[in-house]
């Protein structure tokens, strides 16, 4: 009985291997993509106001942490100018206008906005 089961199992395994040789690669499995990496790549080196964490604003003197926190908590945005509708001081508005060309907007992604990762993503120096 054990021999019969062993022969049947080897036959099933062999049939599976032969079938995988004849199926096209696209039918076997689609390319695995990381949604977060795709979203970050779409921002083209700019800070995405809908998906970037507070720490990404450190590169802009004066924006981190106060103004960056307001921007992150105030989203999602339809346009970059929507940030100016937040409760900002005149100095914060000037800072935002100064660095405006460094920002972009993409649709909000759950992969990058889940929980409080945008406020504190656990990355420390």
N, C-alpha and C. Protein backbone atom coordinates (compact mmCIF):
# COMPACT_ATOMS: atom_id res chain seq x y z
N UNK A 1 0.82 -1.19 0.00
CA UNK A 1 0.00 0.00 0.00
C UNK A 1 0.87 1.26 0.00
N UNK A 2 1.97 1.21 0.79
CA UNK A 2 2.86 2.36 0.85
C UNK A 2 3.51 2.62 -0.50
N UNK A 3 3.84 1.54 -1.20
CA UNK A 3 4.44 1.70 -2.54
C UNK A 3 3.47 2.34 -3.51
N UNK A 4 2.21 1.95 -3.45
CA UNK A 4 1.20 2.52 -4.33
C UNK A 4 1.05 4.02 -4.07
N UNK A 5 0.99 4.42 -2.83
CA UNK A 5 0.88 5.85 -2.47
C UNK A 5 2.13 6.60 -2.93
N UNK A 6 3.30 5.99 -2.74
CA UNK A 6 4.54 6.63 -3.17
C UNK A 6 4.57 6.81 -4.68
N UNK A 7 4.12 5.81 -5.44
CA UNK A 7 4.06 5.91 -6.91
C UNK A 7 3.06 6.98 -7.33
N UNK A 8 1.94 7.03 -6.69
CA UNK A 8 0.92 8.05 -7.03
C UNK A 8 1.44 9.45 -6.73
N UNK A 9 2.08 9.62 -5.59
CA UNK A 9 2.61 10.93 -5.23
C UNK A 9 3.70 11.37 -6.20
N UNK A 10 4.56 10.47 -6.57
CA UNK A 10 5.61 10.83 -7.53
C UNK A 10 5.01 11.16 -8.89
N UNK A 11 3.94 10.46 -9.27
CA UNK A 11 3.25 10.76 -10.53
C UNK A 11 2.62 12.15 -10.51
N UNK A 12 2.00 12.51 -9.39
CA UNK A 12 1.41 13.84 -9.25
C UNK A 12 2.49 14.91 -9.30
N UNK A 13 3.59 14.67 -8.62
CA UNK A 13 4.70 15.61 -8.62
C UNK A 13 5.28 15.78 -10.02
N UNK A 14 5.46 14.70 -10.73
CA UNK A 14 6.00 14.74 -12.09
C UNK A 14 5.04 15.48 -13.02
N UNK A 15 3.75 15.21 -12.88
CA UNK A 15 2.75 15.90 -13.72
C UNK A 15 2.77 17.40 -13.44
N UNK A 16 2.91 17.79 -12.18
CA UNK A 16 2.99 19.21 -11.83
C UNK A 16 4.20 19.88 -12.41
N UNK A 17 5.32 19.21 -12.36
CA UNK A 17 6.55 19.77 -12.93
C UNK A 17 6.45 19.92 -14.44
N UNK A 18 5.91 18.91 -15.10
CA UNK A 18 5.75 18.99 -16.56
C UNK A 18 4.77 20.09 -16.95
N UNK A 19 3.71 20.24 -16.19
CA UNK A 19 2.72 21.27 -16.48
C UNK A 19 3.33 22.66 -16.32
N UNK A 20 4.18 22.83 -15.30
CA UNK A 20 4.80 24.15 -15.09
C UNK A 20 5.76 24.51 -16.22
N UNK A 21 6.33 23.52 -16.90
CA UNK A 21 7.21 23.80 -18.03
C UNK A 21 6.46 24.33 -19.23
N UNK A 22 5.21 23.90 -19.40
CA UNK A 22 4.45 24.28 -20.58
C UNK A 22 3.61 25.53 -20.40
N UNK A 23 3.38 25.94 -19.16
CA UNK A 23 2.62 27.16 -18.94
C UNK A 23 3.50 28.38 -19.18
N UNK A 24 2.96 29.43 -19.77
CA UNK A 24 3.77 30.64 -19.95
C UNK A 24 4.10 31.25 -18.59
N UNK A 25 5.16 32.02 -18.53
CA UNK A 25 5.62 32.60 -17.27
C UNK A 25 4.56 33.50 -16.64
N UNK A 26 3.79 34.22 -17.45
CA UNK A 26 2.77 35.12 -16.92
C UNK A 26 1.66 34.35 -16.22
N UNK A 27 1.39 33.14 -16.66
CA UNK A 27 0.33 32.35 -16.03
C UNK A 27 0.81 31.73 -14.73
N UNK A 28 2.10 31.55 -14.58
CA UNK A 28 2.62 30.95 -13.35
C UNK A 28 2.51 31.91 -12.18
N UNK A 29 2.95 33.13 -12.34
CA UNK A 29 2.86 34.12 -11.27
C UNK A 29 3.14 35.50 -11.84
N UNK A 30 2.37 36.47 -11.37
CA UNK A 30 2.63 37.84 -11.77
C UNK A 30 3.83 38.36 -10.99
N UNK A 31 4.43 39.39 -11.52
CA UNK A 31 5.56 39.99 -10.83
C UNK A 31 5.08 40.56 -9.49
N UNK A 32 5.80 40.26 -8.44
CA UNK A 32 5.44 40.76 -7.12
C UNK A 32 5.93 42.19 -6.99
N UNK A 33 5.03 43.06 -6.55
CA UNK A 33 5.36 44.47 -6.42
C UNK A 33 5.10 44.93 -5.00
N UNK A 34 5.93 45.80 -4.51
CA UNK A 34 5.73 46.42 -3.22
C UNK A 34 5.01 47.74 -3.47
N UNK A 35 3.79 47.84 -2.99
CA UNK A 35 2.96 49.03 -3.24
C UNK A 35 3.63 50.28 -2.69
N UNK A 36 4.24 50.17 -1.53
CA UNK A 36 4.89 51.33 -0.92
C UNK A 36 6.05 51.82 -1.78
N UNK A 37 6.86 50.91 -2.31
CA UNK A 37 7.98 51.31 -3.16
C UNK A 37 7.49 51.97 -4.45
N UNK A 38 6.40 51.45 -5.01
CA UNK A 38 5.84 52.05 -6.22
C UNK A 38 5.38 53.48 -5.95
N UNK A 39 4.75 53.68 -4.81
CA UNK A 39 4.23 55.00 -4.46
C UNK A 39 5.37 55.98 -4.23
N UNK A 40 6.42 55.53 -3.56
CA UNK A 40 7.58 56.39 -3.31
C UNK A 40 8.27 56.73 -4.62
N UNK A 41 8.37 55.78 -5.53
CA UNK A 41 8.99 56.04 -6.83
C UNK A 41 8.17 57.03 -7.65
N UNK A 42 6.86 57.03 -7.47
CA UNK A 42 5.99 57.93 -8.23
C UNK A 42 6.20 59.39 -7.83
N UNK A 43 6.74 59.64 -6.65
CA UNK A 43 6.92 61.02 -6.20
C UNK A 43 8.15 61.67 -6.82
N UNK A 44 8.98 60.91 -7.52
CA UNK A 44 10.11 61.42 -8.30
C UNK A 44 11.05 62.31 -7.49
N UNK A 45 11.41 61.90 -6.29
CA UNK A 45 12.36 62.66 -5.48
C UNK A 45 11.75 63.81 -4.71
N UNK A 46 10.47 64.03 -4.87
CA UNK A 46 9.79 65.10 -4.14
C UNK A 46 9.08 64.51 -2.93
N UNK A 47 8.75 65.35 -1.97
CA UNK A 47 8.02 64.91 -0.79
C UNK A 47 6.54 64.88 -1.12
N UNK A 48 5.94 63.72 -0.99
CA UNK A 48 4.52 63.53 -1.27
C UNK A 48 3.72 63.95 -0.04
N UNK A 49 2.94 65.00 -0.17
CA UNK A 49 2.20 65.56 0.97
C UNK A 49 1.14 64.60 1.51
N UNK A 50 0.66 63.67 0.71
CA UNK A 50 -0.36 62.73 1.17
C UNK A 50 0.21 61.44 1.75
N UNK A 51 1.46 61.14 1.50
CA UNK A 51 2.00 59.83 1.88
C UNK A 51 3.34 59.84 2.61
N UNK A 52 4.02 60.96 2.69
CA UNK A 52 5.34 61.00 3.30
C UNK A 52 5.25 61.18 4.82
N UNK A 53 6.20 60.59 5.56
CA UNK A 53 6.22 60.79 7.01
C UNK A 53 6.79 62.15 7.38
N UNK A 54 6.60 62.54 8.62
CA UNK A 54 7.07 63.84 9.11
C UNK A 54 8.57 63.99 8.91
N UNK A 55 9.33 62.91 9.12
CA UNK A 55 10.79 62.99 9.02
C UNK A 55 11.28 63.37 7.62
N UNK A 56 10.49 63.16 6.60
CA UNK A 56 10.94 63.52 5.25
C UNK A 56 11.03 65.03 5.06
N UNK A 57 10.46 65.80 5.99
CA UNK A 57 10.51 67.26 5.91
C UNK A 57 11.76 67.82 6.58
N UNK A 58 12.59 66.97 7.18
CA UNK A 58 13.81 67.44 7.85
C UNK A 58 14.77 68.14 6.90
N UNK A 59 14.71 67.80 5.65
CA UNK A 59 15.62 68.39 4.67
C UNK A 59 15.30 69.86 4.38
N UNK A 60 14.17 70.34 4.86
CA UNK A 60 13.77 71.73 4.64
C UNK A 60 13.84 72.48 5.97
N UNK A 61 14.89 73.29 6.18
CA UNK A 61 15.05 73.99 7.45
C UNK A 61 13.82 74.81 7.83
N UNK A 62 13.38 74.64 9.08
CA UNK A 62 12.25 75.38 9.60
C UNK A 62 10.92 74.64 9.53
N UNK A 63 10.83 73.60 8.71
CA UNK A 63 9.56 72.90 8.54
C UNK A 63 9.37 71.77 9.55
N UNK A 64 10.47 71.20 10.02
CA UNK A 64 10.39 70.04 10.91
C UNK A 64 10.57 70.49 12.35
N UNK A 65 9.77 70.08 13.27
CA UNK A 65 8.67 69.14 13.24
C UNK A 65 7.28 69.80 13.20
N UNK A 66 7.19 71.09 13.57
CA UNK A 66 5.89 71.72 13.76
C UNK A 66 5.08 71.83 12.47
N UNK A 67 5.62 72.49 11.46
CA UNK A 67 4.90 72.65 10.20
C UNK A 67 4.69 71.31 9.51
N UNK A 68 5.69 70.45 9.57
CA UNK A 68 5.56 69.11 8.97
C UNK A 68 4.43 68.34 9.63
N UNK A 69 4.32 68.42 10.94
CA UNK A 69 3.24 67.74 11.65
C UNK A 69 1.87 68.25 11.24
N UNK A 70 1.76 69.57 11.08
CA UNK A 70 0.47 70.14 10.64
C UNK A 70 0.11 69.65 9.24
N UNK A 71 1.10 69.60 8.37
CA UNK A 71 0.85 69.16 6.99
C UNK A 71 0.42 67.70 6.96
N UNK A 72 1.14 66.86 7.70
CA UNK A 72 0.82 65.43 7.70
C UNK A 72 -0.56 65.17 8.29
N UNK A 73 -0.90 65.85 9.38
CA UNK A 73 -2.20 65.63 10.02
C UNK A 73 -3.35 66.29 9.26
N UNK A 74 -3.05 67.29 8.42
CA UNK A 74 -4.10 68.02 7.71
C UNK A 74 -4.57 67.37 6.42
N UNK A 75 -3.89 66.33 5.96
CA UNK A 75 -4.21 65.70 4.67
C UNK A 75 -5.42 64.81 4.75
N UNK A 76 -5.82 64.20 3.70
CA UNK A 76 -5.22 64.20 2.36
C UNK A 76 -5.59 65.47 1.58
N UNK A 77 -4.76 65.77 0.63
CA UNK A 77 -4.90 66.99 -0.17
C UNK A 77 -5.21 66.64 -1.62
N UNK A 78 -5.95 67.51 -2.26
CA UNK A 78 -6.24 67.38 -3.69
C UNK A 78 -5.22 68.15 -4.52
N UNK A 79 -4.71 69.24 -3.95
CA UNK A 79 -3.73 70.08 -4.63
C UNK A 79 -2.73 70.60 -3.61
N UNK A 80 -1.57 70.99 -4.05
CA UNK A 80 -0.53 71.48 -3.15
C UNK A 80 -1.00 72.73 -2.41
N UNK A 81 -1.75 73.59 -3.07
CA UNK A 81 -2.23 74.82 -2.45
C UNK A 81 -3.22 74.57 -1.31
N UNK A 82 -3.78 73.37 -1.20
CA UNK A 82 -4.70 73.05 -0.10
C UNK A 82 -4.02 73.18 1.26
N UNK A 83 -2.71 73.06 1.30
CA UNK A 83 -1.97 73.20 2.55
C UNK A 83 -2.13 74.60 3.12
N UNK A 84 -2.22 75.58 2.25
CA UNK A 84 -2.36 76.96 2.71
C UNK A 84 -3.70 77.21 3.40
N UNK A 85 -4.64 76.29 3.27
CA UNK A 85 -5.92 76.39 3.96
C UNK A 85 -5.87 75.93 5.40
N UNK A 86 -4.72 75.37 5.81
CA UNK A 86 -4.55 74.95 7.21
C UNK A 86 -4.35 76.18 8.09
N UNK A 87 -4.43 75.98 9.40
CA UNK A 87 -4.21 77.05 10.36
C UNK A 87 -2.71 77.28 10.52
N UNK A 88 -2.12 78.06 9.60
CA UNK A 88 -0.69 78.32 9.59
C UNK A 88 -0.39 79.76 9.93
N UNK A 89 0.74 79.99 10.57
CA UNK A 89 1.19 81.35 10.81
C UNK A 89 1.74 81.91 9.50
N UNK A 90 1.96 83.22 9.49
CA UNK A 90 2.53 83.84 8.28
C UNK A 90 3.91 83.27 7.98
N UNK A 91 4.71 83.05 9.02
CA UNK A 91 6.05 82.48 8.83
C UNK A 91 5.97 81.08 8.24
N UNK A 92 5.02 80.26 8.70
CA UNK A 92 4.85 78.91 8.17
C UNK A 92 4.40 78.95 6.71
N UNK A 93 3.55 79.89 6.37
CA UNK A 93 3.12 80.04 4.97
C UNK A 93 4.30 80.44 4.09
N UNK A 94 5.16 81.34 4.60
CA UNK A 94 6.35 81.74 3.84
C UNK A 94 7.28 80.55 3.62
N UNK A 95 7.48 79.75 4.67
CA UNK A 95 8.33 78.56 4.55
C UNK A 95 7.76 77.58 3.53
N UNK A 96 6.46 77.37 3.60
CA UNK A 96 5.85 76.44 2.65
C UNK A 96 6.02 76.95 1.22
N UNK A 97 5.79 78.23 1.00
CA UNK A 97 5.95 78.81 -0.34
C UNK A 97 7.41 78.71 -0.81
N UNK A 98 8.35 78.86 0.12
CA UNK A 98 9.77 78.79 -0.22
C UNK A 98 10.13 77.42 -0.80
N UNK A 99 9.57 76.35 -0.21
CA UNK A 99 9.92 74.99 -0.61
C UNK A 99 8.84 74.34 -1.48
N UNK A 100 7.88 75.09 -1.94
CA UNK A 100 6.72 74.57 -2.66
C UNK A 100 7.07 73.65 -3.83
N UNK A 101 8.13 73.97 -4.55
CA UNK A 101 8.51 73.17 -5.73
C UNK A 101 9.05 71.79 -5.36
N UNK A 102 9.32 71.56 -4.08
CA UNK A 102 9.84 70.27 -3.63
C UNK A 102 8.75 69.31 -3.20
N UNK A 103 7.48 69.69 -3.39
CA UNK A 103 6.37 68.86 -2.95
C UNK A 103 5.55 68.37 -4.15
N UNK A 104 4.90 67.26 -3.93
CA UNK A 104 4.00 66.70 -4.94
C UNK A 104 2.80 66.08 -4.23
N UNK A 105 1.79 65.78 -5.00
CA UNK A 105 0.57 65.15 -4.48
C UNK A 105 0.31 63.88 -5.29
N UNK A 106 0.13 62.76 -4.59
CA UNK A 106 -0.36 61.53 -5.21
C UNK A 106 -1.50 61.03 -4.35
N UNK A 107 -2.36 60.19 -4.88
CA UNK A 107 -3.47 59.68 -4.07
C UNK A 107 -2.96 58.99 -2.80
N UNK A 108 -3.67 59.19 -1.73
CA UNK A 108 -3.31 58.61 -0.44
C UNK A 108 -3.33 57.09 -0.52
N UNK A 109 -2.31 56.45 0.05
CA UNK A 109 -2.18 55.00 0.00
C UNK A 109 -2.22 54.42 1.41
N UNK A 110 -3.04 53.41 1.63
CA UNK A 110 -3.13 52.78 2.94
C UNK A 110 -1.80 52.15 3.33
N UNK A 111 -1.01 51.73 2.37
CA UNK A 111 0.29 51.11 2.67
C UNK A 111 1.23 52.10 3.35
N UNK A 112 1.06 53.39 3.11
CA UNK A 112 1.93 54.40 3.69
C UNK A 112 1.25 55.20 4.79
N UNK A 113 -0.05 55.04 5.01
CA UNK A 113 -0.78 55.85 5.96
C UNK A 113 -1.40 55.07 7.09
N UNK A 114 -1.14 53.80 7.17
CA UNK A 114 -1.77 52.97 8.18
C UNK A 114 -1.22 53.31 9.57
N UNK A 115 -2.10 53.43 10.55
CA UNK A 115 -1.69 53.74 11.91
C UNK A 115 -1.08 55.13 12.02
N UNK A 116 -0.09 55.27 12.88
CA UNK A 116 0.56 56.55 13.07
C UNK A 116 1.97 56.56 12.50
N UNK A 117 2.22 55.74 11.48
CA UNK A 117 3.56 55.64 10.92
C UNK A 117 4.04 56.95 10.30
N UNK A 118 3.14 57.78 9.85
CA UNK A 118 3.57 59.04 9.26
C UNK A 118 4.06 60.01 10.32
N UNK A 119 3.55 59.89 11.55
CA UNK A 119 3.98 60.76 12.63
C UNK A 119 5.24 60.20 13.30
N UNK A 120 5.24 58.92 13.61
CA UNK A 120 6.39 58.28 14.24
C UNK A 120 6.55 56.89 13.62
N UNK A 121 7.46 56.79 12.66
CA UNK A 121 7.65 55.53 11.96
C UNK A 121 8.68 54.63 12.63
N UNK A 122 9.13 55.00 13.82
CA UNK A 122 10.05 54.14 14.56
C UNK A 122 11.48 54.16 14.06
N UNK A 123 11.83 55.10 13.21
CA UNK A 123 13.19 55.22 12.72
C UNK A 123 13.88 56.31 13.53
N UNK A 124 14.89 55.92 14.27
CA UNK A 124 15.60 56.87 15.11
C UNK A 124 17.07 56.90 14.73
N UNK A 125 17.73 57.96 15.05
CA UNK A 125 19.16 58.10 14.71
C UNK A 125 20.01 57.28 15.61
